[in-house]
Amino acid sequence: MLKGVDTEDLNHILNHTSRLWKEVQGQNIFITGGTGFFGCWLLESFIYANDRLNLGAKAFVLSRHPEAFATRAPHMANHPSVNLLKGDVRIFEFPEGDFRFVVHAATEASTKLNQENPLLMFDTIVEGTRRTLEFARTHGTLKFLLTSSGAVYGKQPPEMMHISEDYLGAPDPMDMDSSYGEGKRAAEMLCRLYVRQYRLETKIARCFAFVGPYLPLDAHYAIGNFIRDVCRGGPVCVNGDGTPYRSYLYAADLAIWLWTILFKGQSCRPYNIGSDRSIKIADLAGLVCQVVNPGIEVTIAQRADPACPPQRYVPSIERARQELGLESWVSLEQAIEKTVRWLK
């Protein structure tokens, strides 16, 4: 059974979003992917704001396995403001009523699925987005948020320290590993088409990498794997050569960014979501050990090739910072410590 996140984090989210919630008063909000990593943080923060601000709002959460979620997280599933709906995002039945706000956070981000069934990954992203947009169009939606991905940019040029929303790179459409990125590009295009044809206000959040409670520790997320290893007593294993650069935004900050973009972001103006503090994967492994248990060993599986420039996946967040006042308030060290404390 999963425990809820710390009240400290929920207060942090509410302190930065309290002025945004007024328009949710008495309204319905529909969330796809509401039982995943993103969804759990959105749902936790929605419940907290709803209770503290007496909003009288309702959240309808689409899940393929609502019964399993109710068993894992009864503190969310059994809350009176939460309604769990069972369905596949590609073909779900539309609930009745008006839903002024829709958050489409359902996705297939599994590296394993991308390798084994890239067509299913692509279809789930594209068909799921189309289905959710149709729901929004026919149910009185005023604001629609798509959680897209930094994968839409393709490979970040090694000389580019931070990738901005204006960069016109793209994944290689002949590379099957691009199914996720190409799916997100198509999803963004669908949003743009619905704006033009139906005047639906759509917001696009291009998400990078994150850390915090509810993050899977056995998936393809390096920081989750490192936290898992250190909690087991080590060693912390880096599967590659440790040279790629990544950055990590804490999940409470992520929730602030997503709610802010939904309510205040410009329609069809993408915003990168993430931290702009870059760190090498090898250094990240060392930092996790330093924060949690400095005596644990770090092993690196491959030797770096000095002739190959390190890969980068680090966003520029100047647009969100300047236009929406968003920041990475929680440091990476604090984020790691908070995540480990929650796990214990």
Foldseek 3Di string as FASTA:
>chain_A
DADAADPVLLVVLCVLCVVQCQVQQLAEEEEEPLLAPLNVLLQSNVVVSCVVVVRNYAYEYEDQCLVVSCVHCVVRSVDPRYHYDHDQLLDDDADDAAHQEYEYPDADPFLVCLVVPLVVRLCSLQSSLVSSLVSNLPRNYQFYEYEAALQQQAFDPLVDLAAEPPRPHGHDPVDSSSSRNVSRVNSLVVQVVCCVPRVHFYFYEHEFAEFAPNDDLPTPHLLSVLLVQVVVPDDREAEAAQAAKGFYFYSSLVSSLRSLRRRPNGGSPYAYDTAQDIDTSQVSSCLLCVLRPNVHHYDYNDHDDPVDRHTYDGHDRVCCCVVVVGHRPQDPSRRSVSRSVSVD
